[in-house]
Amino acid sequence: MSVSTNDLKNGMTLELDGHLWTVLDFLHHKPGKGQAVVRTKLRNIKTGAVLDRTFKHDEKVGLAILDKREMQYLYREGDGFVFMDAETYDQHTVPDAVVGDAASYLTEGFTPIVSMHEGNPISVELPAAVVLKVAKTDPGVKGDRVSGALKPATLETGITLQVPLFVEPGDRVKVDTRTGQYLTREK
């Protein structure tokens, strides 16, 4: 299947030169003289390399058909993560490189979206925020109540982030998966 470069959107997955590329950014450019062009910034899904590529106006490019499935994270095995398809109960091992930064937010039973291309997992999409349990943090010191004061906390997945002084071990906190920052304490 192909799509016109005029119809490109951020997040689309293209098939170019035998590789899969995600559109990070695009810009329609009409110079004073000559044909209009579409400038794009693409990331190779397999290697992570970023490429700036310019296409002619209305050029056809290959659109990769992705099968996005809700999959439950089961456990880590060697250099991969095992997920189970919520519909078919098939298990898939997703390599570390594909999971990437999402590994910091995966807990057993969590259900992210896994994108598949021709039966192979190519990405793991998390929601904008997840709730995780605080495993370890120092107690807030009496008298250290400066407005907006923060302290480090280690969460159940092993990541460390800055939280307000009132957060204690065992509390559940909401974390932004895009920035890795504390959002709020959950009840």
C-alpha atoms as a PDB file:
ATOM      1  CA  MET A   1       0.000   0.000   0.000  1.00  0.00           C
ATOM      2  CA  SER A   2       1.291   3.469  -0.792  1.00  0.00           C
ATOM      3  CA  VAL A   3       0.487   6.954   0.383  1.00  0.00           C
ATOM      4  CA  SER A   4       1.202  10.407  -1.036  1.00  0.00           C
ATOM      5  CA  THR A   5       3.872  12.461   0.717  1.00  0.00           C
ATOM      6  CA  ASN A   6       1.222  15.207   1.016  1.00  0.00           C
ATOM      7  CA  ASP A   7      -0.690  12.942   3.419  1.00  0.00           C
ATOM      8  CA  LEU A   8       2.199  12.173   5.802  1.00  0.00           C
ATOM      9  CA  LYS A   9       1.543  12.506   9.541  1.00  0.00           C
ATOM     10  CA  ASN A  10       3.807  12.222  12.594  1.00  0.00           C
ATOM     11  CA  GLY A  11       3.922   8.639  13.875  1.00  0.00           C
ATOM     12  CA  MET A  12       3.189   6.995  10.503  1.00  0.00           C
ATOM     13  CA  THR A  13       5.305   3.971   9.651  1.00  0.00           C
ATOM     14  CA  LEU A  14       6.754   3.893   6.129  1.00  0.00           C
ATOM     15  CA  GLU A  15       8.466   1.140   4.179  1.00  0.00           C
ATOM     16  CA  LEU A  16      11.435   2.623   2.303  1.00  0.00           C
ATOM     17  CA  ASP A  17      14.433   0.842   0.762  1.00  0.00           C
ATOM     18  CA  GLY A  18      13.478  -2.418   2.523  1.00  0.00           C
ATOM     19  CA  HIS A  19      13.429  -0.841   6.000  1.00  0.00           C
ATOM     20  CA  LEU A  20      10.697   0.446   8.301  1.00  0.00           C
ATOM     21  CA  TRP A  21      10.815   4.135   9.229  1.00  0.00           C
ATOM     22  CA  THR A  22       8.671   6.180  11.626  1.00  0.00           C
ATOM     23  CA  VAL A  23       7.848   9.767  10.630  1.00  0.00           C
ATOM     24  CA  LEU A  24       9.119  12.024  13.428  1.00  0.00           C
ATOM     25  CA  ASP A  25       8.481  15.321  11.689  1.00  0.00           C
ATOM     26  CA  PHE A  26       7.486  16.651   8.285  1.00  0.00           C
ATOM     27  CA  LEU A  27       7.292  20.051   6.605  1.00  0.00           C
ATOM     28  CA  HIS A  28       5.687  21.056   3.310  1.00  0.00           C
ATOM     29  CA  HIS A  29       8.022  23.526   1.615  1.00  0.00           C
ATOM     30  CA  LYS A  30       7.241  25.639  -1.428  1.00  0.00           C
ATOM     31  CA  PRO A  31      10.319  27.479  -2.639  1.00  0.00           C
ATOM     32  CA  GLY A  32       9.883  30.676  -4.647  1.00  0.00           C
ATOM     33  CA  LYS A  33      11.088  28.871  -7.712  1.00  0.00           C
ATOM     34  CA  GLY A  34      10.539  25.216  -8.639  1.00  0.00           C
ATOM     35  CA  GLN A  35       8.457  22.340  -7.305  1.00  0.00           C
ATOM     36  CA  ALA A  36       7.075  22.019  -3.800  1.00  0.00           C
ATOM     37  CA  VAL A  37       8.799  19.412  -1.607  1.00  0.00           C
ATOM     38  CA  VAL A  38       8.124  17.601   1.647  1.00  0.00           C
ATOM     39  CA  ARG A  39      11.024  17.553   4.117  1.00  0.00           C
ATOM     40  CA  THR A  40      10.862  14.727   6.634  1.00  0.00           C
ATOM     41  CA  LYS A  41      12.763  13.472   9.649  1.00  0.00           C
ATOM     42  CA  LEU A  42      12.531   9.663   9.827  1.00  0.00           C
ATOM     43  CA  ARG A  43      13.711   7.144  12.451  1.00  0.00           C
ATOM     44  CA  ASN A  44      14.727   3.618  11.462  1.00  0.00           C
ATOM     45  CA  ILE A  45      12.673   1.258  13.633  1.00  0.00           C
ATOM     46  CA  LYS A  46      15.368  -1.424  13.769  1.00  0.00           C
ATOM     47  CA  THR A  47      18.502   0.675  14.336  1.00  0.00           C
ATOM     48  CA  GLY A  48      17.084   3.906  15.773  1.00  0.00           C
ATOM     49  CA  ALA A  49      19.079   5.970  13.256  1.00  0.00           C
ATOM     50  CA  VAL A  50      17.490   9.315  12.327  1.00  0.00           C
ATOM     51  CA  LEU A  51      17.462  10.425   8.692  1.00  0.00           C
ATOM     52  CA  ASP A  52      16.465  13.710   7.068  1.00  0.00           C
ATOM     53  CA  ARG A  53      14.892  12.977   3.689  1.00  0.00           C
ATOM     54  CA  THR A  54      13.251  15.241   1.134  1.00  0.00           C
ATOM     55  CA  PHE A  55      10.498  13.958  -1.160  1.00  0.00           C
ATOM     56  CA  LYS A  56       8.964  15.519  -4.262  1.00  0.00           C
ATOM     57  CA  HIS A  57       5.499  17.021  -3.936  1.00  0.00           C
ATOM     58  CA  ASP A  58       2.853  14.261  -4.237  1.00  0.00           C
ATOM     59  CA  GLU A  59       5.451  11.428  -4.478  1.00  0.00           C
ATOM     60  CA  LYS A  60       4.145   7.963  -3.531  1.00  0.00           C
ATOM     61  CA  VAL A  61       5.850   6.154  -0.619  1.00  0.00           C
ATOM     62  CA  GLY A  62       5.175   2.719   0.862  1.00  0.00           C
ATOM     63  CA  LEU A  63       2.966   2.659   3.943  1.00  0.00           C
ATOM     64  CA  ALA A  64       3.680  -0.208   6.354  1.00  0.00           C
ATOM     65  CA  ILE A  65       0.580  -2.005   7.588  1.00  0.00           C
ATOM     66  CA  LEU A  66       0.873  -2.513  11.346  1.00  0.00           C
ATOM     67  CA  ASP A  67      -1.197  -4.819  13.514  1.00  0.00           C
ATOM     68  CA  LYS A  68      -1.594  -3.094  16.886  1.00  0.00           C
ATOM     69  CA  ARG A  69      -2.563  -5.503  19.645  1.00  0.00           C
ATOM     70  CA  GLU A  70      -3.143  -5.207  23.363  1.00  0.00           C
ATOM     71  CA  MET A  71      -0.674  -7.571  25.027  1.00  0.00           C
ATOM     72  CA  GLN A  72      -0.147  -8.398  28.672  1.00  0.00           C
ATOM     73  CA  TYR A  73       3.413  -8.257  29.989  1.00  0.00           C
ATOM     74  CA  LEU A  74       4.263 -11.565  31.691  1.00  0.00           C
ATOM     75  CA  TYR A  75       7.973 -11.655  32.572  1.00  0.00           C
ATOM     76  CA  ARG A  76      11.514 -10.915  31.441  1.00  0.00           C
ATOM     77  CA  GLU A  77      13.460 -13.744  29.838  1.00  0.00           C
ATOM     78  CA  GLY A  78      17.121 -13.358  28.888  1.00  0.00           C
ATOM     79  CA  ASP A  79      17.446 -10.448  26.460  1.00  0.00           C
ATOM     80  CA  GLY A  80      13.712 -10.069  25.857  1.00  0.00           C
ATOM     81  CA  PHE A  81      10.311  -9.505  27.409  1.00  0.00           C
ATOM     82  CA  VAL A  82       7.489 -12.040  27.130  1.00  0.00           C
ATOM     83  CA  PHE A  83       4.043 -10.689  26.249  1.00  0.00           C
ATOM     84  CA  MET A  84       0.755 -12.557  25.831  1.00  0.00           C
ATOM     85  CA  ASP A  85      -1.804 -11.549  23.212  1.00  0.00           C
ATOM     86  CA  ALA A  86      -5.015 -10.694  25.097  1.00  0.00           C
ATOM     87  CA  GLU A  87      -7.227 -12.224  22.357  1.00  0.00           C
ATOM     88  CA  THR A  88      -5.400 -15.341  21.150  1.00  0.00           C
ATOM     89  CA  TYR A  89      -3.274 -16.077  24.264  1.00  0.00           C
ATOM     90  CA  ASP A  90      -0.210 -16.495  22.006  1.00  0.00           C
ATOM     91  CA  GLN A  91       3.062 -15.564  23.686  1.00  0.00           C
ATOM     92  CA  HIS A  92       5.617 -13.343  21.943  1.00  0.00           C
ATOM     93  CA  THR A  93       9.155 -12.539  23.064  1.00  0.00           C
ATOM     94  CA  VAL A  94       9.940  -8.903  22.335  1.00  0.00           C
ATOM     95  CA  PRO A  95      13.673  -8.015  22.216  1.00  0.00           C
ATOM     96  CA  ASP A  96      15.154  -5.388  24.566  1.00  0.00           C
ATOM     97  CA  ALA A  97      15.887  -3.065  21.624  1.00  0.00           C
ATOM     98  CA  VAL A  98      12.204  -3.020  20.610  1.00  0.00           C
ATOM     99  CA  VAL A  99      10.916  -2.423  24.150  1.00  0.00           C
ATOM    100  CA  GLY A 100      13.460   0.364  24.715  1.00  0.00           C
ATOM    101  CA  ASP A 101      12.606   2.917  27.419  1.00  0.00           C
ATOM    102  CA  ALA A 102       9.189   1.297  27.989  1.00  0.00           C
ATOM    103  CA  ALA A 103      11.007  -1.356  30.070  1.00  0.00           C
ATOM    104  CA  SER A 104      11.251   1.168  32.920  1.00  0.00           C
ATOM    105  CA  TYR A 105       7.474   1.166  33.306  1.00  0.00           C
ATOM    106  CA  LEU A 106       6.572  -2.512  32.781  1.00  0.00           C
ATOM    107  CA  THR A 107       5.152  -4.475  35.707  1.00  0.00           C
ATOM    108  CA  GLU A 108       3.682  -7.975  35.590  1.00  0.00           C
ATOM    109  CA  GLY A 109       0.135  -7.891  34.268  1.00  0.00           C
ATOM    110  CA  PHE A 110       0.513  -4.452  32.638  1.00  0.00           C
ATOM    111  CA  THR A 111      -1.154  -4.280  29.205  1.00  0.00           C
ATOM    112  CA  PRO A 112       0.531  -1.957  26.647  1.00  0.00           C
ATOM    113  CA  ILE A 113      -0.098  -1.857  22.873  1.00  0.00           C
ATOM    114  CA  VAL A 114       2.433  -3.879  20.848  1.00  0.00           C
ATOM    115  CA  SER A 115       2.754  -3.021  17.133  1.00  0.00           C
ATOM    116  CA  MET A 116       3.450  -6.002  14.881  1.00  0.00           C
ATOM    117  CA  HIS A 117       4.652  -5.978  11.259  1.00  0.00           C
ATOM    118  CA  GLU A 118       4.497  -9.283   9.375  1.00  0.00           C
ATOM    119  CA  GLY A 119       4.317 -11.176  12.681  1.00  0.00           C
ATOM    120  CA  ASN A 120       7.317  -9.426  14.252  1.00  0.00           C
ATOM    121  CA  PRO A 121       6.989  -6.946  17.144  1.00  0.00           C
ATOM    122  CA  ILE A 122       8.395  -3.529  16.209  1.00  0.00           C
ATOM    123  CA  SER A 123       7.322  -1.239  19.070  1.00  0.00           C
ATOM    124  CA  VAL A 124       5.709  -1.094  22.508  1.00  0.00           C
ATOM    125  CA  GLU A 125       3.368   1.866  23.119  1.00  0.00           C
ATOM    126  CA  LEU A 126       2.630   2.952  26.674  1.00  0.00           C
ATOM    127  CA  PRO A 127      -0.210   5.142  27.879  1.00  0.00           C
ATOM    128  CA  ALA A 128       0.705   8.762  28.716  1.00  0.00           C
ATOM    129  CA  ALA A 129       0.934   7.917  32.442  1.00  0.00           C
ATOM    130  CA  VAL A 130       1.250   4.789  34.599  1.00  0.00           C
ATOM    131  CA  VAL A 131       0.792   4.152  38.319  1.00  0.00           C
ATOM    132  CA  LEU A 132       3.747   2.520  40.100  1.00  0.00           C
ATOM    133  CA  LYS A 133       4.517   1.677  43.727  1.00  0.00           C
ATOM    134  CA  VAL A 134       7.330   3.455  45.602  1.00  0.00           C
ATOM    135  CA  ALA A 135       9.826   0.796  46.723  1.00  0.00           C
ATOM    136  CA  LYS A 136      12.308   3.030  48.540  1.00  0.00           C
ATOM    137  CA  THR A 137      12.650   6.675  49.515  1.00  0.00           C
ATOM    138  CA  ASP A 138      14.151   8.648  52.365  1.00  0.00           C
ATOM    139  CA  PRO A 139      11.739  10.065  54.935  1.00  0.00           C
ATOM    140  CA  GLY A 140      10.965  13.775  54.708  1.00  0.00           C
ATOM    141  CA  VAL A 141      13.004  15.625  57.346  1.00  0.00           C
ATOM    142  CA  LYS A 142      11.032  17.702  59.867  1.00  0.00           C
ATOM    143  CA  GLY A 143      11.624  21.360  59.174  1.00  0.00           C
ATOM    144  CA  ASP A 144      12.582  20.663  55.554  1.00  0.00           C
ATOM    145  CA  ARG A 145       9.247  21.892  54.239  1.00  0.00           C
ATOM    146  CA  VAL A 146      10.291  24.349  51.581  1.00  0.00           C
ATOM    147  CA  SER A 147       7.500  24.742  49.053  1.00  0.00           C
ATOM    148  CA  GLY A 148       8.076  22.370  46.164  1.00  0.00           C
ATOM    149  CA  ALA A 149      10.951  20.480  47.836  1.00  0.00           C
ATOM    150  CA  LEU A 150      11.724  17.112  46.228  1.00  0.00           C
ATOM    151  CA  LYS A 151      13.554  13.926  47.167  1.00  0.00           C
ATOM    152  CA  PRO A 152      14.627  10.870  45.139  1.00  0.00           C
ATOM    153  CA  ALA A 153      12.433   7.752  45.155  1.00  0.00           C
ATOM    154  CA  THR A 154      13.042   4.318  43.648  1.00  0.00           C
ATOM    155  CA  LEU A 155       9.952   2.698  42.151  1.00  0.00           C
ATOM    156  CA  GLU A 156       9.050  -1.005  41.931  1.00  0.00           C
ATOM    157  CA  THR A 157      10.482  -1.243  38.397  1.00  0.00           C
ATOM    158  CA  GLY A 158      13.856   0.147  39.508  1.00  0.00           C
ATOM    159  CA  ILE A 159      13.626   3.647  38.042  1.00  0.00           C
ATOM    160  CA  THR A 160      14.448   6.637  40.231  1.00  0.00           C
ATOM    161  CA  LEU A 161      12.655   9.965  40.047  1.00  0.00           C
ATOM    162  CA  GLN A 162      12.109  13.086  42.125  1.00  0.00           C
ATOM    163  CA  VAL A 163       8.951  13.119  44.284  1.00  0.00           C
ATOM    164  CA  PRO A 164       7.551  15.561  46.889  1.00  0.00           C
ATOM    165  CA  LEU A 165       8.632  15.138  50.523  1.00  0.00           C
ATOM    166  CA  PHE A 166       5.253  13.691  51.635  1.00  0.00           C
ATOM    167  CA  VAL A 167       5.605  10.549  49.449  1.00  0.00           C
ATOM    168  CA  GLU A 168       6.473   7.461  51.528  1.00  0.00           C
ATOM    169  CA  PRO A 169       7.527   3.872  50.665  1.00  0.00           C
ATOM    170  CA  GLY A 170       4.464   1.839  49.661  1.00  0.00           C
ATOM    171  CA  ASP A 171       2.640   4.849  48.156  1.00  0.00           C
ATOM    172  CA  ARG A 172       1.440   4.580  44.573  1.00  0.00           C
ATOM    173  CA  VAL A 173       2.458   7.444  42.291  1.00  0.00           C
ATOM    174  CA  LYS A 174       1.419   8.404  38.777  1.00  0.00           C
ATOM    175  CA  VAL A 175       4.395   8.886  36.428  1.00  0.00           C
ATOM    176  CA  ASP A 176       4.432  10.545  32.993  1.00  0.00           C
ATOM    177  CA  THR A 177       5.888   7.905  30.617  1.00  0.00           C
ATOM    178  CA  ARG A 178       7.019  10.527  28.093  1.00  0.00           C
ATOM    179  CA  THR A 179       9.144  12.580  30.509  1.00  0.00           C
ATOM    180  CA  GLY A 180       9.669  10.204  33.441  1.00  0.00           C
ATOM    181  CA  GLN A 181       8.417  12.817  35.912  1.00  0.00           C
ATOM    182  CA  TYR A 182       6.180  12.481  38.958  1.00  0.00           C
ATOM    183  CA  LEU A 183       2.597  13.666  38.356  1.00  0.00           C
ATOM    184  CA  THR A 184       0.586  12.862  41.500  1.00  0.00           C
ATOM    185  CA  ARG A 185       0.138  10.452  44.397  1.00  0.00           C
ATOM    186  CA  GLU A 186      -2.651   7.889  43.932  1.00  0.00           C
ATOM    187  CA  LYS A 187      -4.902   6.585  46.688  1.00  0.00           C
END
